[in-house]
Amino acid sequence: RNIKKAEFSIMSVLKSNPSNVEAFLGMAKLYTSQGNPIKAMQYFDEAIKRNPHHERAYLERGIFVYKIDKERAKRDITKAFELNPYNPKVNQFYKSLVSPQ
């Protein structure tokens, strides 16, 4: 029930503001938690399409795909790092997954 309520809330945000990247990321995480990777990926991709300079969108998608496509994950995390190397979470994942010491 809470998932349906969250989905309804996020979709309401998207209807009023279709360029809200955070809402697309919210839907991606919602579908991830429901075990629907295809829908999740569609929302991650749409978030990046709406704002290709949103480092967290690349980071979240990179983390999401890491287990199934490490090279794509590394590209996404590298892009997030290029956009904002000062973001602590981006920096952490970049150092641990892309360029481990």
N, C-alpha and C. Protein backbone atom coordinates (compact mmCIF):
# COMPACT_ATOMS: atom_id res chain seq x y z
N ARG A 1 0.82 -1.20 0.00
CA ARG A 1 0.00 0.00 0.00
C ARG A 1 0.86 1.25 0.00
N ASN A 2 1.91 1.26 0.81
CA ASN A 2 2.79 2.43 0.85
C ASN A 2 3.49 2.65 -0.49
N ILE A 3 3.79 1.56 -1.19
CA ILE A 3 4.44 1.69 -2.49
C ILE A 3 3.49 2.36 -3.48
N LYS A 4 2.24 1.96 -3.48
CA LYS A 4 1.25 2.59 -4.38
C LYS A 4 1.09 4.07 -4.05
N LYS A 5 1.09 4.37 -2.75
CA LYS A 5 0.96 5.76 -2.33
C LYS A 5 2.17 6.58 -2.79
N ALA A 6 3.37 6.00 -2.63
CA ALA A 6 4.59 6.69 -3.09
C ALA A 6 4.56 6.88 -4.60
N GLU A 7 4.16 5.84 -5.32
CA GLU A 7 4.08 5.93 -6.77
C GLU A 7 3.11 7.03 -7.19
N PHE A 8 1.97 7.09 -6.55
CA PHE A 8 0.98 8.12 -6.86
C PHE A 8 1.55 9.52 -6.60
N SER A 9 2.24 9.68 -5.46
CA SER A 9 2.81 10.98 -5.11
C SER A 9 3.85 11.42 -6.13
N ILE A 10 4.73 10.50 -6.50
CA ILE A 10 5.79 10.85 -7.45
C ILE A 10 5.20 11.16 -8.82
N MET A 11 4.22 10.36 -9.24
CA MET A 11 3.59 10.62 -10.53
C MET A 11 2.87 11.97 -10.54
N SER A 12 2.31 12.36 -9.41
CA SER A 12 1.68 13.68 -9.31
C SER A 12 2.70 14.79 -9.51
N VAL A 13 3.88 14.61 -8.93
CA VAL A 13 4.96 15.58 -9.10
C VAL A 13 5.35 15.65 -10.58
N LEU A 14 5.48 14.49 -11.23
CA LEU A 14 5.88 14.46 -12.63
C LEU A 14 4.83 15.09 -13.55
N LYS A 15 3.56 14.94 -13.18
CA LYS A 15 2.51 15.58 -13.99
C LYS A 15 2.60 17.09 -13.90
N SER A 16 2.89 17.60 -12.71
CA SER A 16 2.96 19.06 -12.55
C SER A 16 4.31 19.62 -12.98
N ASN A 17 5.36 18.78 -12.94
CA ASN A 17 6.70 19.24 -13.32
C ASN A 17 7.43 18.09 -14.03
N PRO A 18 7.17 17.92 -15.32
CA PRO A 18 7.74 16.78 -16.05
C PRO A 18 9.26 16.81 -16.22
N SER A 19 9.91 17.86 -15.80
CA SER A 19 11.37 17.89 -15.89
C SER A 19 12.04 17.67 -14.53
N ASN A 20 11.28 17.24 -13.55
CA ASN A 20 11.80 17.02 -12.20
C ASN A 20 12.64 15.74 -12.16
N VAL A 21 13.94 15.89 -12.24
CA VAL A 21 14.85 14.74 -12.27
C VAL A 21 14.75 13.93 -10.99
N GLU A 22 14.60 14.59 -9.87
CA GLU A 22 14.50 13.87 -8.59
C GLU A 22 13.29 12.93 -8.59
N ALA A 23 12.21 13.35 -9.21
CA ALA A 23 11.02 12.49 -9.27
C ALA A 23 11.29 11.27 -10.15
N PHE A 24 12.00 11.46 -11.26
CA PHE A 24 12.36 10.31 -12.10
C PHE A 24 13.26 9.35 -11.33
N LEU A 25 14.19 9.89 -10.56
CA LEU A 25 15.05 9.03 -9.75
C LEU A 25 14.25 8.31 -8.67
N GLY A 26 13.27 9.01 -8.13
CA GLY A 26 12.39 8.38 -7.14
C GLY A 26 11.63 7.21 -7.73
N MET A 27 11.12 7.38 -8.94
CA MET A 27 10.41 6.28 -9.61
C MET A 27 11.37 5.13 -9.90
N ALA A 28 12.59 5.44 -10.31
CA ALA A 28 13.58 4.40 -10.59
C ALA A 28 13.85 3.58 -9.32
N LYS A 29 14.02 4.26 -8.21
CA LYS A 29 14.28 3.55 -6.95
C LYS A 29 13.06 2.75 -6.51
N LEU A 30 11.89 3.29 -6.76
CA LEU A 30 10.66 2.57 -6.42
C LEU A 30 10.57 1.26 -7.20
N TYR A 31 10.82 1.35 -8.51
CA TYR A 31 10.77 0.13 -9.32
C TYR A 31 11.91 -0.82 -8.99
N THR A 32 13.05 -0.29 -8.58
CA THR A 32 14.14 -1.15 -8.12
C THR A 32 13.70 -1.94 -6.90
N SER A 33 13.06 -1.26 -5.97
CA SER A 33 12.63 -1.93 -4.74
C SER A 33 11.53 -2.96 -5.01
N GLN A 34 10.80 -2.79 -6.10
CA GLN A 34 9.75 -3.73 -6.47
C GLN A 34 10.29 -4.88 -7.32
N GLY A 35 11.58 -4.85 -7.63
CA GLY A 35 12.16 -5.90 -8.46
C GLY A 35 11.80 -5.80 -9.92
N ASN A 36 11.63 -4.58 -10.40
CA ASN A 36 11.29 -4.34 -11.80
C ASN A 36 12.43 -3.56 -12.46
N PRO A 37 13.53 -4.25 -12.83
CA PRO A 37 14.69 -3.53 -13.35
C PRO A 37 14.47 -2.84 -14.69
N ILE A 38 13.58 -3.36 -15.50
CA ILE A 38 13.34 -2.73 -16.81
C ILE A 38 12.71 -1.36 -16.62
N LYS A 39 11.68 -1.28 -15.79
CA LYS A 39 11.04 0.02 -15.53
C LYS A 39 12.00 0.95 -14.79
N ALA A 40 12.77 0.40 -13.86
CA ALA A 40 13.74 1.22 -13.14
C ALA A 40 14.72 1.86 -14.11
N MET A 41 15.26 1.07 -15.03
CA MET A 41 16.23 1.58 -15.99
C MET A 41 15.60 2.66 -16.88
N GLN A 42 14.35 2.48 -17.25
CA GLN A 42 13.67 3.49 -18.06
C GLN A 42 13.63 4.84 -17.33
N TYR A 43 13.37 4.80 -16.03
CA TYR A 43 13.32 6.04 -15.27
C TYR A 43 14.71 6.62 -15.03
N PHE A 44 15.72 5.78 -14.80
CA PHE A 44 17.09 6.30 -14.70
C PHE A 44 17.48 6.99 -16.01
N ASP A 45 17.20 6.31 -17.13
CA ASP A 45 17.54 6.88 -18.44
C ASP A 45 16.81 8.20 -18.69
N GLU A 46 15.55 8.25 -18.31
CA GLU A 46 14.76 9.47 -18.51
C GLU A 46 15.29 10.61 -17.64
N ALA A 47 15.71 10.31 -16.43
CA ALA A 47 16.28 11.34 -15.56
C ALA A 47 17.51 11.96 -16.22
N ILE A 48 18.36 11.11 -16.79
CA ILE A 48 19.57 11.60 -17.45
C ILE A 48 19.23 12.37 -18.72
N LYS A 49 18.24 11.89 -19.44
CA LYS A 49 17.80 12.59 -20.65
C LYS A 49 17.29 13.99 -20.31
N ARG A 50 16.56 14.10 -19.21
CA ARG A 50 16.00 15.40 -18.80
C ARG A 50 17.08 16.37 -18.33
N ASN A 51 18.12 15.81 -17.69
CA ASN A 51 19.22 16.66 -17.23
C ASN A 51 20.54 15.89 -17.31
N PRO A 52 21.22 16.01 -18.43
CA PRO A 52 22.47 15.26 -18.62
C PRO A 52 23.64 15.78 -17.77
N HIS A 53 23.39 16.77 -16.92
CA HIS A 53 24.44 17.30 -16.04
C HIS A 53 24.15 16.98 -14.58
N HIS A 54 23.27 16.05 -14.33
CA HIS A 54 22.86 15.68 -12.97
C HIS A 54 23.71 14.50 -12.50
N GLU A 55 24.75 14.81 -11.73
CA GLU A 55 25.71 13.75 -11.37
C GLU A 55 25.08 12.61 -10.59
N ARG A 56 24.10 12.92 -9.75
CA ARG A 56 23.49 11.85 -8.96
C ARG A 56 22.72 10.87 -9.83
N ALA A 57 22.15 11.34 -10.93
CA ALA A 57 21.44 10.43 -11.84
C ALA A 57 22.41 9.41 -12.43
N TYR A 58 23.58 9.88 -12.85
CA TYR A 58 24.60 8.96 -13.37
C TYR A 58 25.09 8.02 -12.28
N LEU A 59 25.32 8.57 -11.10
CA LEU A 59 25.80 7.73 -10.00
C LEU A 59 24.79 6.64 -9.65
N GLU A 60 23.54 7.03 -9.49
CA GLU A 60 22.51 6.05 -9.12
C GLU A 60 22.34 4.98 -10.20
N ARG A 61 22.36 5.38 -11.47
CA ARG A 61 22.25 4.39 -12.53
C ARG A 61 23.48 3.49 -12.54
N GLY A 62 24.64 4.06 -12.31
CA GLY A 62 25.86 3.26 -12.27
C GLY A 62 25.83 2.22 -11.16
N ILE A 63 25.37 2.62 -10.00
CA ILE A 63 25.24 1.68 -8.89
C ILE A 63 24.23 0.60 -9.23
N PHE A 64 23.14 1.00 -9.85
CA PHE A 64 22.08 0.07 -10.21
C PHE A 64 22.56 -1.01 -11.18
N VAL A 65 23.34 -0.63 -12.18
CA VAL A 65 23.76 -1.60 -13.20
C VAL A 65 25.06 -2.33 -12.88
N TYR A 66 25.70 -1.99 -11.78
CA TYR A 66 27.04 -2.51 -11.50
C TYR A 66 27.11 -4.04 -11.52
N LYS A 67 26.15 -4.71 -10.95
CA LYS A 67 26.20 -6.18 -10.87
C LYS A 67 26.03 -6.85 -12.23
N ILE A 68 25.35 -6.18 -13.15
CA ILE A 68 25.08 -6.83 -14.44
C ILE A 68 25.93 -6.30 -15.59
N ASP A 69 26.46 -5.08 -15.45
CA ASP A 69 27.25 -4.49 -16.53
C ASP A 69 28.28 -3.54 -15.92
N LYS A 70 29.38 -4.10 -15.47
CA LYS A 70 30.39 -3.31 -14.78
C LYS A 70 30.97 -2.18 -15.63
N GLU A 71 31.14 -2.43 -16.92
CA GLU A 71 31.71 -1.38 -17.79
C GLU A 71 30.76 -0.19 -17.92
N ARG A 72 29.49 -0.47 -18.09
CA ARG A 72 28.52 0.63 -18.17
C ARG A 72 28.47 1.38 -16.84
N ALA A 73 28.51 0.63 -15.76
CA ALA A 73 28.50 1.24 -14.44
C ALA A 73 29.70 2.16 -14.27
N LYS A 74 30.85 1.69 -14.69
CA LYS A 74 32.07 2.51 -14.57
C LYS A 74 31.96 3.78 -15.42
N ARG A 75 31.37 3.67 -16.61
CA ARG A 75 31.17 4.86 -17.45
C ARG A 75 30.26 5.88 -16.76
N ASP A 76 29.15 5.37 -16.18
CA ASP A 76 28.22 6.27 -15.50
C ASP A 76 28.86 6.92 -14.28
N ILE A 77 29.59 6.14 -13.50
CA ILE A 77 30.22 6.69 -12.30
C ILE A 77 31.34 7.66 -12.68
N THR A 78 32.06 7.36 -13.75
CA THR A 78 33.08 8.28 -14.25
C THR A 78 32.43 9.60 -14.69
N LYS A 79 31.31 9.52 -15.37
CA LYS A 79 30.59 10.73 -15.81
C LYS A 79 30.15 11.55 -14.59
N ALA A 80 29.63 10.87 -13.57
CA ALA A 80 29.23 11.56 -12.35
C ALA A 80 30.43 12.27 -11.73
N PHE A 81 31.57 11.58 -11.71
CA PHE A 81 32.80 12.16 -11.15
C PHE A 81 33.26 13.36 -11.97
N GLU A 82 33.18 13.27 -13.29
CA GLU A 82 33.55 14.40 -14.15
C GLU A 82 32.65 15.61 -13.91
N LEU A 83 31.37 15.35 -13.66
CA LEU A 83 30.42 16.44 -13.42
C LEU A 83 30.64 17.09 -12.06
N ASN A 84 30.98 16.28 -11.06
CA ASN A 84 31.17 16.83 -9.72
C ASN A 84 32.08 15.94 -8.88
N PRO A 85 33.39 16.13 -9.01
CA PRO A 85 34.32 15.31 -8.24
C PRO A 85 34.32 15.63 -6.74
N TYR A 86 33.61 16.69 -6.36
CA TYR A 86 33.58 17.10 -4.96
C TYR A 86 32.40 16.52 -4.19
N ASN A 87 31.51 15.84 -4.90
CA ASN A 87 30.40 15.16 -4.23
C ASN A 87 30.98 13.95 -3.50
N PRO A 88 30.84 13.89 -2.17
CA PRO A 88 31.49 12.82 -1.41
C PRO A 88 31.05 11.41 -1.84
N LYS A 89 29.79 11.23 -2.13
CA LYS A 89 29.30 9.91 -2.52
C LYS A 89 29.84 9.53 -3.90
N VAL A 90 29.84 10.48 -4.82
CA VAL A 90 30.40 10.24 -6.16
C VAL A 90 31.88 9.89 -6.02
N ASN A 91 32.58 10.66 -5.24
CA ASN A 91 34.01 10.46 -5.04
C ASN A 91 34.28 9.07 -4.45
N GLN A 92 33.49 8.69 -3.48
CA GLN A 92 33.65 7.38 -2.83
C GLN A 92 33.48 6.24 -3.83
N PHE A 93 32.41 6.28 -4.61
CA PHE A 93 32.17 5.20 -5.58
C PHE A 93 33.20 5.23 -6.71
N TYR A 94 33.60 6.41 -7.12
CA TYR A 94 34.61 6.50 -8.18
C TYR A 94 35.91 5.84 -7.72
N LYS A 95 36.32 6.18 -6.51
CA LYS A 95 37.58 5.63 -5.99
C LYS A 95 37.50 4.13 -5.75
N SER A 96 36.35 3.64 -5.32
CA SER A 96 36.26 2.21 -5.00
C SER A 96 35.94 1.33 -6.21
N LEU A 97 35.19 1.85 -7.18
CA LEU A 97 34.77 1.01 -8.31
C LEU A 97 35.51 1.29 -9.61
N VAL A 98 35.90 2.52 -9.82
CA VAL A 98 36.49 2.87 -11.12
C VAL A 98 38.01 2.92 -11.03
N SER A 99 38.54 3.56 -10.03
CA SER A 99 40.00 3.67 -9.94
C SER A 99 40.48 3.28 -8.55
N PRO A 100 40.32 2.01 -8.19
CA PRO A 100 40.77 1.57 -6.87
C PRO A 100 42.29 1.68 -6.75
N GLN A 101 42.73 2.06 -5.59
CA GLN A 101 44.18 2.22 -5.33
C GLN A 101 44.84 0.87 -5.14
